[in-house]
C-alpha cells in the first residue's frame, strides 16, 4: 500500500518541479 501511494504522487512531484523549471 505504501509503494502504491508513492507511485501515485511521485509523478505529480516531478510534474510540479518541471513546471518550476519551465516557468522559472
PDBML (XML) file of the C-alpha atoms, coordinates in Angstrom:
<?xml version="1.0" encoding="UTF-8" ?>
<PDBx:datablock datablockName="MODEL"
   xmlns:PDBx="http://pdbml.pdb.org/schema/pdbx-v50.xsd"
   xmlns:xsi="http://www.w3.org/2001/XMLSchema-instance"
   xsi:schemaLocation="http://pdbml.pdb.org/schema/pdbx-v50.xsd pdbx-v50.xsd">
   <PDBx:atom_siteCategory>
      <PDBx:atom_site id="1">
         <PDBx:B_iso_or_equiv>0.00</PDBx:B_iso_or_equiv>
         <PDBx:Cartn_x>0.000</PDBx:Cartn_x>
         <PDBx:Cartn_y>0.000</PDBx:Cartn_y>
         <PDBx:Cartn_z>0.000</PDBx:Cartn_z>
         <PDBx:auth_asym_id>A</PDBx:auth_asym_id>
         <PDBx:auth_atom_id>CA</PDBx:auth_atom_id>
         <PDBx:auth_comp_id>UNK</PDBx:auth_comp_id>
         <PDBx:auth_seq_id>1</PDBx:auth_seq_id>
         <PDBx:group_PDB>ATOM</PDBx:group_PDB>
         <PDBx:label_alt_id xsi:nil="true" />
         <PDBx:label_asym_id>A</PDBx:label_asym_id>
         <PDBx:label_atom_id>CA</PDBx:label_atom_id>
         <PDBx:label_comp_id>UNK</PDBx:label_comp_id>
         <PDBx:label_entity_id>1</PDBx:label_entity_id>
         <PDBx:label_seq_id>1</PDBx:label_seq_id>
         <PDBx:occupancy>1.00</PDBx:occupancy>
         <PDBx:pdbx_PDB_model_num>1</PDBx:pdbx_PDB_model_num>
         <PDBx:type_symbol>C</PDBx:type_symbol>
      </PDBx:atom_site>
      <PDBx:atom_site id="2">
         <PDBx:B_iso_or_equiv>0.00</PDBx:B_iso_or_equiv>
         <PDBx:Cartn_x>2.900</PDBx:Cartn_x>
         <PDBx:Cartn_y>2.344</PDBx:Cartn_y>
         <PDBx:Cartn_z>0.711</PDBx:Cartn_z>
         <PDBx:auth_asym_id>A</PDBx:auth_asym_id>
         <PDBx:auth_atom_id>CA</PDBx:auth_atom_id>
         <PDBx:auth_comp_id>UNK</PDBx:auth_comp_id>
         <PDBx:auth_seq_id>2</PDBx:auth_seq_id>
         <PDBx:group_PDB>ATOM</PDBx:group_PDB>
         <PDBx:label_alt_id xsi:nil="true" />
         <PDBx:label_asym_id>A</PDBx:label_asym_id>
         <PDBx:label_atom_id>CA</PDBx:label_atom_id>
         <PDBx:label_comp_id>UNK</PDBx:label_comp_id>
         <PDBx:label_entity_id>1</PDBx:label_entity_id>
         <PDBx:label_seq_id>2</PDBx:label_seq_id>
         <PDBx:occupancy>1.00</PDBx:occupancy>
         <PDBx:pdbx_PDB_model_num>1</PDBx:pdbx_PDB_model_num>
         <PDBx:type_symbol>C</PDBx:type_symbol>
      </PDBx:atom_site>
      <PDBx:atom_site id="3">
         <PDBx:B_iso_or_equiv>0.00</PDBx:B_iso_or_equiv>
         <PDBx:Cartn_x>4.515</PDBx:Cartn_x>
         <PDBx:Cartn_y>1.636</PDBx:Cartn_y>
         <PDBx:Cartn_z>-2.659</PDBx:Cartn_z>
         <PDBx:auth_asym_id>A</PDBx:auth_asym_id>
         <PDBx:auth_atom_id>CA</PDBx:auth_atom_id>
         <PDBx:auth_comp_id>UNK</PDBx:auth_comp_id>
         <PDBx:auth_seq_id>3</PDBx:auth_seq_id>
         <PDBx:group_PDB>ATOM</PDBx:group_PDB>
         <PDBx:label_alt_id xsi:nil="true" />
         <PDBx:label_asym_id>A</PDBx:label_asym_id>
         <PDBx:label_atom_id>CA</PDBx:label_atom_id>
         <PDBx:label_comp_id>UNK</PDBx:label_comp_id>
         <PDBx:label_entity_id>1</PDBx:label_entity_id>
         <PDBx:label_seq_id>3</PDBx:label_seq_id>
         <PDBx:occupancy>1.00</PDBx:occupancy>
         <PDBx:pdbx_PDB_model_num>1</PDBx:pdbx_PDB_model_num>
         <PDBx:type_symbol>C</PDBx:type_symbol>
      </PDBx:atom_site>
      <PDBx:atom_site id="4">
         <PDBx:B_iso_or_equiv>0.00</PDBx:B_iso_or_equiv>
         <PDBx:Cartn_x>1.168</PDBx:Cartn_x>
         <PDBx:Cartn_y>2.119</PDBx:Cartn_y>
         <PDBx:Cartn_z>-4.419</PDBx:Cartn_z>
         <PDBx:auth_asym_id>A</PDBx:auth_asym_id>
         <PDBx:auth_atom_id>CA</PDBx:auth_atom_id>
         <PDBx:auth_comp_id>UNK</PDBx:auth_comp_id>
         <PDBx:auth_seq_id>4</PDBx:auth_seq_id>
         <PDBx:group_PDB>ATOM</PDBx:group_PDB>
         <PDBx:label_alt_id xsi:nil="true" />
         <PDBx:label_asym_id>A</PDBx:label_asym_id>
         <PDBx:label_atom_id>CA</PDBx:label_atom_id>
         <PDBx:label_comp_id>UNK</PDBx:label_comp_id>
         <PDBx:label_entity_id>1</PDBx:label_entity_id>
         <PDBx:label_seq_id>4</PDBx:label_seq_id>
         <PDBx:occupancy>1.00</PDBx:occupancy>
         <PDBx:pdbx_PDB_model_num>1</PDBx:pdbx_PDB_model_num>
         <PDBx:type_symbol>C</PDBx:type_symbol>
      </PDBx:atom_site>
      <PDBx:atom_site id="5">
         <PDBx:B_iso_or_equiv>0.00</PDBx:B_iso_or_equiv>
         <PDBx:Cartn_x>0.687</PDBx:Cartn_x>
         <PDBx:Cartn_y>5.502</PDBx:Cartn_y>
         <PDBx:Cartn_z>-2.788</PDBx:Cartn_z>
         <PDBx:auth_asym_id>A</PDBx:auth_asym_id>
         <PDBx:auth_atom_id>CA</PDBx:auth_atom_id>
         <PDBx:auth_comp_id>UNK</PDBx:auth_comp_id>
         <PDBx:auth_seq_id>5</PDBx:auth_seq_id>
         <PDBx:group_PDB>ATOM</PDBx:group_PDB>
         <PDBx:label_alt_id xsi:nil="true" />
         <PDBx:label_asym_id>A</PDBx:label_asym_id>
         <PDBx:label_atom_id>CA</PDBx:label_atom_id>
         <PDBx:label_comp_id>UNK</PDBx:label_comp_id>
         <PDBx:label_entity_id>1</PDBx:label_entity_id>
         <PDBx:label_seq_id>5</PDBx:label_seq_id>
         <PDBx:occupancy>1.00</PDBx:occupancy>
         <PDBx:pdbx_PDB_model_num>1</PDBx:pdbx_PDB_model_num>
         <PDBx:type_symbol>C</PDBx:type_symbol>
      </PDBx:atom_site>
      <PDBx:atom_site id="6">
         <PDBx:B_iso_or_equiv>0.00</PDBx:B_iso_or_equiv>
         <PDBx:Cartn_x>4.192</PDBx:Cartn_x>
         <PDBx:Cartn_y>6.700</PDBx:Cartn_y>
         <PDBx:Cartn_z>-3.644</PDBx:Cartn_z>
         <PDBx:auth_asym_id>A</PDBx:auth_asym_id>
         <PDBx:auth_atom_id>CA</PDBx:auth_atom_id>
         <PDBx:auth_comp_id>UNK</PDBx:auth_comp_id>
         <PDBx:auth_seq_id>6</PDBx:auth_seq_id>
         <PDBx:group_PDB>ATOM</PDBx:group_PDB>
         <PDBx:label_alt_id xsi:nil="true" />
         <PDBx:label_asym_id>A</PDBx:label_asym_id>
         <PDBx:label_atom_id>CA</PDBx:label_atom_id>
         <PDBx:label_comp_id>UNK</PDBx:label_comp_id>
         <PDBx:label_entity_id>1</PDBx:label_entity_id>
         <PDBx:label_seq_id>6</PDBx:label_seq_id>
         <PDBx:occupancy>1.00</PDBx:occupancy>
         <PDBx:pdbx_PDB_model_num>1</PDBx:pdbx_PDB_model_num>
         <PDBx:type_symbol>C</PDBx:type_symbol>
      </PDBx:atom_site>
      <PDBx:atom_site id="7">
         <PDBx:B_iso_or_equiv>0.00</PDBx:B_iso_or_equiv>
         <PDBx:Cartn_x>3.891</PDBx:Cartn_x>
         <PDBx:Cartn_y>5.628</PDBx:Cartn_y>
         <PDBx:Cartn_z>-7.269</PDBx:Cartn_z>
         <PDBx:auth_asym_id>A</PDBx:auth_asym_id>
         <PDBx:auth_atom_id>CA</PDBx:auth_atom_id>
         <PDBx:auth_comp_id>UNK</PDBx:auth_comp_id>
         <PDBx:auth_seq_id>7</PDBx:auth_seq_id>
         <PDBx:group_PDB>ATOM</PDBx:group_PDB>
         <PDBx:label_alt_id xsi:nil="true" />
         <PDBx:label_asym_id>A</PDBx:label_asym_id>
         <PDBx:label_atom_id>CA</PDBx:label_atom_id>
         <PDBx:label_comp_id>UNK</PDBx:label_comp_id>
         <PDBx:label_entity_id>1</PDBx:label_entity_id>
         <PDBx:label_seq_id>7</PDBx:label_seq_id>
         <PDBx:occupancy>1.00</PDBx:occupancy>
         <PDBx:pdbx_PDB_model_num>1</PDBx:pdbx_PDB_model_num>
         <PDBx:type_symbol>C</PDBx:type_symbol>
      </PDBx:atom_site>
      <PDBx:atom_site id="8">
         <PDBx:B_iso_or_equiv>0.00</PDBx:B_iso_or_equiv>
         <PDBx:Cartn_x>0.723</PDBx:Cartn_x>
         <PDBx:Cartn_y>7.723</PDBx:Cartn_y>
         <PDBx:Cartn_z>-7.383</PDBx:Cartn_z>
         <PDBx:auth_asym_id>A</PDBx:auth_asym_id>
         <PDBx:auth_atom_id>CA</PDBx:auth_atom_id>
         <PDBx:auth_comp_id>UNK</PDBx:auth_comp_id>
         <PDBx:auth_seq_id>8</PDBx:auth_seq_id>
         <PDBx:group_PDB>ATOM</PDBx:group_PDB>
         <PDBx:label_alt_id xsi:nil="true" />
         <PDBx:label_asym_id>A</PDBx:label_asym_id>
         <PDBx:label_atom_id>CA</PDBx:label_atom_id>
         <PDBx:label_comp_id>UNK</PDBx:label_comp_id>
         <PDBx:label_entity_id>1</PDBx:label_entity_id>
         <PDBx:label_seq_id>8</PDBx:label_seq_id>
         <PDBx:occupancy>1.00</PDBx:occupancy>
         <PDBx:pdbx_PDB_model_num>1</PDBx:pdbx_PDB_model_num>
         <PDBx:type_symbol>C</PDBx:type_symbol>
      </PDBx:atom_site>
      <PDBx:atom_site id="9">
         <PDBx:B_iso_or_equiv>0.00</PDBx:B_iso_or_equiv>
         <PDBx:Cartn_x>2.152</PDBx:Cartn_x>
         <PDBx:Cartn_y>11.002</PDBx:Cartn_y>
         <PDBx:Cartn_z>-6.098</PDBx:Cartn_z>
         <PDBx:auth_asym_id>A</PDBx:auth_asym_id>
         <PDBx:auth_atom_id>CA</PDBx:auth_atom_id>
         <PDBx:auth_comp_id>UNK</PDBx:auth_comp_id>
         <PDBx:auth_seq_id>9</PDBx:auth_seq_id>
         <PDBx:group_PDB>ATOM</PDBx:group_PDB>
         <PDBx:label_alt_id xsi:nil="true" />
         <PDBx:label_asym_id>A</PDBx:label_asym_id>
         <PDBx:label_atom_id>CA</PDBx:label_atom_id>
         <PDBx:label_comp_id>UNK</PDBx:label_comp_id>
         <PDBx:label_entity_id>1</PDBx:label_entity_id>
         <PDBx:label_seq_id>9</PDBx:label_seq_id>
         <PDBx:occupancy>1.00</PDBx:occupancy>
         <PDBx:pdbx_PDB_model_num>1</PDBx:pdbx_PDB_model_num>
         <PDBx:type_symbol>C</PDBx:type_symbol>
      </PDBx:atom_site>
      <PDBx:atom_site id="10">
         <PDBx:B_iso_or_equiv>0.00</PDBx:B_iso_or_equiv>
         <PDBx:Cartn_x>5.747</PDBx:Cartn_x>
         <PDBx:Cartn_y>10.740</PDBx:Cartn_y>
         <PDBx:Cartn_z>-7.333</PDBx:Cartn_z>
         <PDBx:auth_asym_id>A</PDBx:auth_asym_id>
         <PDBx:auth_atom_id>CA</PDBx:auth_atom_id>
         <PDBx:auth_comp_id>UNK</PDBx:auth_comp_id>
         <PDBx:auth_seq_id>10</PDBx:auth_seq_id>
         <PDBx:group_PDB>ATOM</PDBx:group_PDB>
         <PDBx:label_alt_id xsi:nil="true" />
         <PDBx:label_asym_id>A</PDBx:label_asym_id>
         <PDBx:label_atom_id>CA</PDBx:label_atom_id>
         <PDBx:label_comp_id>UNK</PDBx:label_comp_id>
         <PDBx:label_entity_id>1</PDBx:label_entity_id>
         <PDBx:label_seq_id>10</PDBx:label_seq_id>
         <PDBx:occupancy>1.00</PDBx:occupancy>
         <PDBx:pdbx_PDB_model_num>1</PDBx:pdbx_PDB_model_num>
         <PDBx:type_symbol>C</PDBx:type_symbol>
      </PDBx:atom_site>
      <PDBx:atom_site id="11">
         <PDBx:B_iso_or_equiv>0.00</PDBx:B_iso_or_equiv>
         <PDBx:Cartn_x>4.801</PDBx:Cartn_x>
         <PDBx:Cartn_y>11.747</PDBx:Cartn_y>
         <PDBx:Cartn_z>-10.934</PDBx:Cartn_z>
         <PDBx:auth_asym_id>A</PDBx:auth_asym_id>
         <PDBx:auth_atom_id>CA</PDBx:auth_atom_id>
         <PDBx:auth_comp_id>UNK</PDBx:auth_comp_id>
         <PDBx:auth_seq_id>11</PDBx:auth_seq_id>
         <PDBx:group_PDB>ATOM</PDBx:group_PDB>
         <PDBx:label_alt_id xsi:nil="true" />
         <PDBx:label_asym_id>A</PDBx:label_asym_id>
         <PDBx:label_atom_id>CA</PDBx:label_atom_id>
         <PDBx:label_comp_id>UNK</PDBx:label_comp_id>
         <PDBx:label_entity_id>1</PDBx:label_entity_id>
         <PDBx:label_seq_id>11</PDBx:label_seq_id>
         <PDBx:occupancy>1.00</PDBx:occupancy>
         <PDBx:pdbx_PDB_model_num>1</PDBx:pdbx_PDB_model_num>
         <PDBx:type_symbol>C</PDBx:type_symbol>
      </PDBx:atom_site>
      <PDBx:atom_site id="12">
         <PDBx:B_iso_or_equiv>0.00</PDBx:B_iso_or_equiv>
         <PDBx:Cartn_x>2.928</PDBx:Cartn_x>
         <PDBx:Cartn_y>14.739</PDBx:Cartn_y>
         <PDBx:Cartn_z>-9.520</PDBx:Cartn_z>
         <PDBx:auth_asym_id>A</PDBx:auth_asym_id>
         <PDBx:auth_atom_id>CA</PDBx:auth_atom_id>
         <PDBx:auth_comp_id>UNK</PDBx:auth_comp_id>
         <PDBx:auth_seq_id>12</PDBx:auth_seq_id>
         <PDBx:group_PDB>ATOM</PDBx:group_PDB>
         <PDBx:label_alt_id xsi:nil="true" />
         <PDBx:label_asym_id>A</PDBx:label_asym_id>
         <PDBx:label_atom_id>CA</PDBx:label_atom_id>
         <PDBx:label_comp_id>UNK</PDBx:label_comp_id>
         <PDBx:label_entity_id>1</PDBx:label_entity_id>
         <PDBx:label_seq_id>12</PDBx:label_seq_id>
         <PDBx:occupancy>1.00</PDBx:occupancy>
         <PDBx:pdbx_PDB_model_num>1</PDBx:pdbx_PDB_model_num>
         <PDBx:type_symbol>C</PDBx:type_symbol>
      </PDBx:atom_site>
      <PDBx:atom_site id="13">
         <PDBx:B_iso_or_equiv>0.00</PDBx:B_iso_or_equiv>
         <PDBx:Cartn_x>6.099</PDBx:Cartn_x>
         <PDBx:Cartn_y>15.836</PDBx:Cartn_y>
         <PDBx:Cartn_z>-7.780</PDBx:Cartn_z>
         <PDBx:auth_asym_id>A</PDBx:auth_asym_id>
         <PDBx:auth_atom_id>CA</PDBx:auth_atom_id>
         <PDBx:auth_comp_id>UNK</PDBx:auth_comp_id>
         <PDBx:auth_seq_id>13</PDBx:auth_seq_id>
         <PDBx:group_PDB>ATOM</PDBx:group_PDB>
         <PDBx:label_alt_id xsi:nil="true" />
         <PDBx:label_asym_id>A</PDBx:label_asym_id>
         <PDBx:label_atom_id>CA</PDBx:label_atom_id>
         <PDBx:label_comp_id>UNK</PDBx:label_comp_id>
         <PDBx:label_entity_id>1</PDBx:label_entity_id>
         <PDBx:label_seq_id>13</PDBx:label_seq_id>
         <PDBx:occupancy>1.00</PDBx:occupancy>
         <PDBx:pdbx_PDB_model_num>1</PDBx:pdbx_PDB_model_num>
         <PDBx:type_symbol>C</PDBx:type_symbol>
      </PDBx:atom_site>
      <PDBx:atom_site id="14">
         <PDBx:B_iso_or_equiv>0.00</PDBx:B_iso_or_equiv>
         <PDBx:Cartn_x>8.111</PDBx:Cartn_x>
         <PDBx:Cartn_y>15.501</PDBx:Cartn_y>
         <PDBx:Cartn_z>-10.996</PDBx:Cartn_z>
         <PDBx:auth_asym_id>A</PDBx:auth_asym_id>
         <PDBx:auth_atom_id>CA</PDBx:auth_atom_id>
         <PDBx:auth_comp_id>UNK</PDBx:auth_comp_id>
         <PDBx:auth_seq_id>14</PDBx:auth_seq_id>
         <PDBx:group_PDB>ATOM</PDBx:group_PDB>
         <PDBx:label_alt_id xsi:nil="true" />
         <PDBx:label_asym_id>A</PDBx:label_asym_id>
         <PDBx:label_atom_id>CA</PDBx:label_atom_id>
         <PDBx:label_comp_id>UNK</PDBx:label_comp_id>
         <PDBx:label_entity_id>1</PDBx:label_entity_id>
         <PDBx:label_seq_id>14</PDBx:label_seq_id>
         <PDBx:occupancy>1.00</PDBx:occupancy>
         <PDBx:pdbx_PDB_model_num>1</PDBx:pdbx_PDB_model_num>
         <PDBx:type_symbol>C</PDBx:type_symbol>
      </PDBx:atom_site>
      <PDBx:atom_site id="15">
         <PDBx:B_iso_or_equiv>0.00</PDBx:B_iso_or_equiv>
         <PDBx:Cartn_x>5.455</PDBx:Cartn_x>
         <PDBx:Cartn_y>17.398</PDBx:Cartn_y>
         <PDBx:Cartn_z>-12.967</PDBx:Cartn_z>
         <PDBx:auth_asym_id>A</PDBx:auth_asym_id>
         <PDBx:auth_atom_id>CA</PDBx:auth_atom_id>
         <PDBx:auth_comp_id>UNK</PDBx:auth_comp_id>
         <PDBx:auth_seq_id>15</PDBx:auth_seq_id>
         <PDBx:group_PDB>ATOM</PDBx:group_PDB>
         <PDBx:label_alt_id xsi:nil="true" />
         <PDBx:label_asym_id>A</PDBx:label_asym_id>
         <PDBx:label_atom_id>CA</PDBx:label_atom_id>
         <PDBx:label_comp_id>UNK</PDBx:label_comp_id>
         <PDBx:label_entity_id>1</PDBx:label_entity_id>
         <PDBx:label_seq_id>15</PDBx:label_seq_id>
         <PDBx:occupancy>1.00</PDBx:occupancy>
         <PDBx:pdbx_PDB_model_num>1</PDBx:pdbx_PDB_model_num>
         <PDBx:type_symbol>C</PDBx:type_symbol>
      </PDBx:atom_site>
      <PDBx:atom_site id="16">
         <PDBx:B_iso_or_equiv>0.00</PDBx:B_iso_or_equiv>
         <PDBx:Cartn_x>5.411</PDBx:Cartn_x>
         <PDBx:Cartn_y>20.282</PDBx:Cartn_y>
         <PDBx:Cartn_z>-10.500</PDBx:Cartn_z>
         <PDBx:auth_asym_id>A</PDBx:auth_asym_id>
         <PDBx:auth_atom_id>CA</PDBx:auth_atom_id>
         <PDBx:auth_comp_id>UNK</PDBx:auth_comp_id>
         <PDBx:auth_seq_id>16</PDBx:auth_seq_id>
         <PDBx:group_PDB>ATOM</PDBx:group_PDB>
         <PDBx:label_alt_id xsi:nil="true" />
         <PDBx:label_asym_id>A</PDBx:label_asym_id>
         <PDBx:label_atom_id>CA</PDBx:label_atom_id>
         <PDBx:label_comp_id>UNK</PDBx:label_comp_id>
         <PDBx:label_entity_id>1</PDBx:label_entity_id>
         <PDBx:label_seq_id>16</PDBx:label_seq_id>
         <PDBx:occupancy>1.00</PDBx:occupancy>
         <PDBx:pdbx_PDB_model_num>1</PDBx:pdbx_PDB_model_num>
         <PDBx:type_symbol>C</PDBx:type_symbol>
      </PDBx:atom_site>
      <PDBx:atom_site id="17">
         <PDBx:B_iso_or_equiv>0.00</PDBx:B_iso_or_equiv>
         <PDBx:Cartn_x>9.205</PDBx:Cartn_x>
         <PDBx:Cartn_y>20.502</PDBx:Cartn_y>
         <PDBx:Cartn_z>-10.490</PDBx:Cartn_z>
         <PDBx:auth_asym_id>A</PDBx:auth_asym_id>
         <PDBx:auth_atom_id>CA</PDBx:auth_atom_id>
         <PDBx:auth_comp_id>UNK</PDBx:auth_comp_id>
         <PDBx:auth_seq_id>17</PDBx:auth_seq_id>
         <PDBx:group_PDB>ATOM</PDBx:group_PDB>
         <PDBx:label_alt_id xsi:nil="true" />
         <PDBx:label_asym_id>A</PDBx:label_asym_id>
         <PDBx:label_atom_id>CA</PDBx:label_atom_id>
         <PDBx:label_comp_id>UNK</PDBx:label_comp_id>
         <PDBx:label_entity_id>1</PDBx:label_entity_id>
         <PDBx:label_seq_id>17</PDBx:label_seq_id>
         <PDBx:occupancy>1.00</PDBx:occupancy>
         <PDBx:pdbx_PDB_model_num>1</PDBx:pdbx_PDB_model_num>
         <PDBx:type_symbol>C</PDBx:type_symbol>
      </PDBx:atom_site>
      <PDBx:atom_site id="18">
         <PDBx:B_iso_or_equiv>0.00</PDBx:B_iso_or_equiv>
         <PDBx:Cartn_x>9.173</PDBx:Cartn_x>
         <PDBx:Cartn_y>20.513</PDBx:Cartn_y>
         <PDBx:Cartn_z>-14.316</PDBx:Cartn_z>
         <PDBx:auth_asym_id>A</PDBx:auth_asym_id>
         <PDBx:auth_atom_id>CA</PDBx:auth_atom_id>
         <PDBx:auth_comp_id>UNK</PDBx:auth_comp_id>
         <PDBx:auth_seq_id>18</PDBx:auth_seq_id>
         <PDBx:group_PDB>ATOM</PDBx:group_PDB>
         <PDBx:label_alt_id xsi:nil="true" />
         <PDBx:label_asym_id>A</PDBx:label_asym_id>
         <PDBx:label_atom_id>CA</PDBx:label_atom_id>
         <PDBx:label_comp_id>UNK</PDBx:label_comp_id>
         <PDBx:label_entity_id>1</PDBx:label_entity_id>
         <PDBx:label_seq_id>18</PDBx:label_seq_id>
         <PDBx:occupancy>1.00</PDBx:occupancy>
         <PDBx:pdbx_PDB_model_num>1</PDBx:pdbx_PDB_model_num>
         <PDBx:type_symbol>C</PDBx:type_symbol>
      </PDBx:atom_site>
      <PDBx:atom_site id="19">
         <PDBx:B_iso_or_equiv>0.00</PDBx:B_iso_or_equiv>
         <PDBx:Cartn_x>6.710</PDBx:Cartn_x>
         <PDBx:Cartn_y>23.429</PDBx:Cartn_y>
         <PDBx:Cartn_z>-14.156</PDBx:Cartn_z>
         <PDBx:auth_asym_id>A</PDBx:auth_asym_id>
         <PDBx:auth_atom_id>CA</PDBx:auth_atom_id>
         <PDBx:auth_comp_id>UNK</PDBx:auth_comp_id>
         <PDBx:auth_seq_id>19</PDBx:auth_seq_id>
         <PDBx:group_PDB>ATOM</PDBx:group_PDB>
         <PDBx:label_alt_id xsi:nil="true" />
         <PDBx:label_asym_id>A</PDBx:label_asym_id>
         <PDBx:label_atom_id>CA</PDBx:label_atom_id>
         <PDBx:label_comp_id>UNK</PDBx:label_comp_id>
         <PDBx:label_entity_id>1</PDBx:label_entity_id>
         <PDBx:label_seq_id>19</PDBx:label_seq_id>
         <PDBx:occupancy>1.00</PDBx:occupancy>
         <PDBx:pdbx_PDB_model_num>1</PDBx:pdbx_PDB_model_num>
         <PDBx:type_symbol>C</PDBx:type_symbol>
      </PDBx:atom_site>
      <PDBx:atom_site id="20">
         <PDBx:B_iso_or_equiv>0.00</PDBx:B_iso_or_equiv>
         <PDBx:Cartn_x>9.066</PDBx:Cartn_x>
         <PDBx:Cartn_y>25.289</PDBx:Cartn_y>
         <PDBx:Cartn_z>-11.870</PDBx:Cartn_z>
         <PDBx:auth_asym_id>A</PDBx:auth_asym_id>
         <PDBx:auth_atom_id>CA</PDBx:auth_atom_id>
         <PDBx:auth_comp_id>UNK</PDBx:auth_comp_id>
         <PDBx:auth_seq_id>20</PDBx:auth_seq_id>
         <PDBx:group_PDB>ATOM</PDBx:group_PDB>
         <PDBx:label_alt_id xsi:nil="true" />
         <PDBx:label_asym_id>A</PDBx:label_asym_id>
         <PDBx:label_atom_id>CA</PDBx:label_atom_id>
         <PDBx:label_comp_id>UNK</PDBx:label_comp_id>
         <PDBx:label_entity_id>1</PDBx:label_entity_id>
         <PDBx:label_seq_id>20</PDBx:label_seq_id>
         <PDBx:occupancy>1.00</PDBx:occupancy>
         <PDBx:pdbx_PDB_model_num>1</PDBx:pdbx_PDB_model_num>
         <PDBx:type_symbol>C</PDBx:type_symbol>
      </PDBx:atom_site>
      <PDBx:atom_site id="21">
         <PDBx:B_iso_or_equiv>0.00</PDBx:B_iso_or_equiv>
         <PDBx:Cartn_x>11.837</PDBx:Cartn_x>
         <PDBx:Cartn_y>24.915</PDBx:Cartn_y>
         <PDBx:Cartn_z>-14.455</PDBx:Cartn_z>
         <PDBx:auth_asym_id>A</PDBx:auth_asym_id>
         <PDBx:auth_atom_id>CA</PDBx:auth_atom_id>
         <PDBx:auth_comp_id>UNK</PDBx:auth_comp_id>
         <PDBx:auth_seq_id>21</PDBx:auth_seq_id>
         <PDBx:group_PDB>ATOM</PDBx:group_PDB>
         <PDBx:label_alt_id xsi:nil="true" />
         <PDBx:label_asym_id>A</PDBx:label_asym_id>
         <PDBx:label_atom_id>CA</PDBx:label_atom_id>
         <PDBx:label_comp_id>UNK</PDBx:label_comp_id>
         <PDBx:label_entity_id>1</PDBx:label_entity_id>
         <PDBx:label_seq_id>21</PDBx:label_seq_id>
         <PDBx:occupancy>1.00</PDBx:occupancy>
         <PDBx:pdbx_PDB_model_num>1</PDBx:pdbx_PDB_model_num>
         <PDBx:type_symbol>C</PDBx:type_symbol>
      </PDBx:atom_site>
      <PDBx:atom_site id="22">
         <PDBx:B_iso_or_equiv>0.00</PDBx:B_iso_or_equiv>
         <PDBx:Cartn_x>9.580</PDBx:Cartn_x>
         <PDBx:Cartn_y>25.833</PDBx:Cartn_y>
         <PDBx:Cartn_z>-17.389</PDBx:Cartn_z>
         <PDBx:auth_asym_id>A</PDBx:auth_asym_id>
         <PDBx:auth_atom_id>CA</PDBx:auth_atom_id>
         <PDBx:auth_comp_id>UNK</PDBx:auth_comp_id>
         <PDBx:auth_seq_id>22</PDBx:auth_seq_id>
         <PDBx:group_PDB>ATOM</PDBx:group_PDB>
         <PDBx:label_alt_id xsi:nil="true" />
         <PDBx:label_asym_id>A</PDBx:label_asym_id>
         <PDBx:label_atom_id>CA</PDBx:label_atom_id>
         <PDBx:label_comp_id>UNK</PDBx:label_comp_id>
         <PDBx:label_entity_id>1</PDBx:label_entity_id>
         <PDBx:label_seq_id>22</PDBx:label_seq_id>
         <PDBx:occupancy>1.00</PDBx:occupancy>
         <PDBx:pdbx_PDB_model_num>1</PDBx:pdbx_PDB_model_num>
         <PDBx:type_symbol>C</PDBx:type_symbol>
      </PDBx:atom_site>
      <PDBx:atom_site id="23">
         <PDBx:B_iso_or_equiv>0.00</PDBx:B_iso_or_equiv>
         <PDBx:Cartn_x>8.257</PDBx:Cartn_x>
         <PDBx:Cartn_y>28.990</PDBx:Cartn_y>
         <PDBx:Cartn_z>-15.710</PDBx:Cartn_z>
         <PDBx:auth_asym_id>A</PDBx:auth_asym_id>
         <PDBx:auth_atom_id>CA</PDBx:auth_atom_id>
         <PDBx:auth_comp_id>UNK</PDBx:auth_comp_id>
         <PDBx:auth_seq_id>23</PDBx:auth_seq_id>
         <PDBx:group_PDB>ATOM</PDBx:group_PDB>
         <PDBx:label_alt_id xsi:nil="true" />
         <PDBx:label_asym_id>A</PDBx:label_asym_id>
         <PDBx:label_atom_id>CA</PDBx:label_atom_id>
         <PDBx:label_comp_id>UNK</PDBx:label_comp_id>
         <PDBx:label_entity_id>1</PDBx:label_entity_id>
         <PDBx:label_seq_id>23</PDBx:label_seq_id>
         <PDBx:occupancy>1.00</PDBx:occupancy>
         <PDBx:pdbx_PDB_model_num>1</PDBx:pdbx_PDB_model_num>
         <PDBx:type_symbol>C</PDBx:type_symbol>
      </PDBx:atom_site>
      <PDBx:atom_site id="24">
         <PDBx:B_iso_or_equiv>0.00</PDBx:B_iso_or_equiv>
         <PDBx:Cartn_x>11.476</PDBx:Cartn_x>
         <PDBx:Cartn_y>29.981</PDBx:Cartn_y>
         <PDBx:Cartn_z>-13.945</PDBx:Cartn_z>
         <PDBx:auth_asym_id>A</PDBx:auth_asym_id>
         <PDBx:auth_atom_id>CA</PDBx:auth_atom_id>
         <PDBx:auth_comp_id>UNK</PDBx:auth_comp_id>
         <PDBx:auth_seq_id>24</PDBx:auth_seq_id>
         <PDBx:group_PDB>ATOM</PDBx:group_PDB>
         <PDBx:label_alt_id xsi:nil="true" />
         <PDBx:label_asym_id>A</PDBx:label_asym_id>
         <PDBx:label_atom_id>CA</PDBx:label_atom_id>
         <PDBx:label_comp_id>UNK</PDBx:label_comp_id>
         <PDBx:label_entity_id>1</PDBx:label_entity_id>
         <PDBx:label_seq_id>24</PDBx:label_seq_id>
         <PDBx:occupancy>1.00</PDBx:occupancy>
         <PDBx:pdbx_PDB_model_num>1</PDBx:pdbx_PDB_model_num>
         <PDBx:type_symbol>C</PDBx:type_symbol>
      </PDBx:atom_site>
   </PDBx:atom_siteCategory>
</PDBx:datablock>
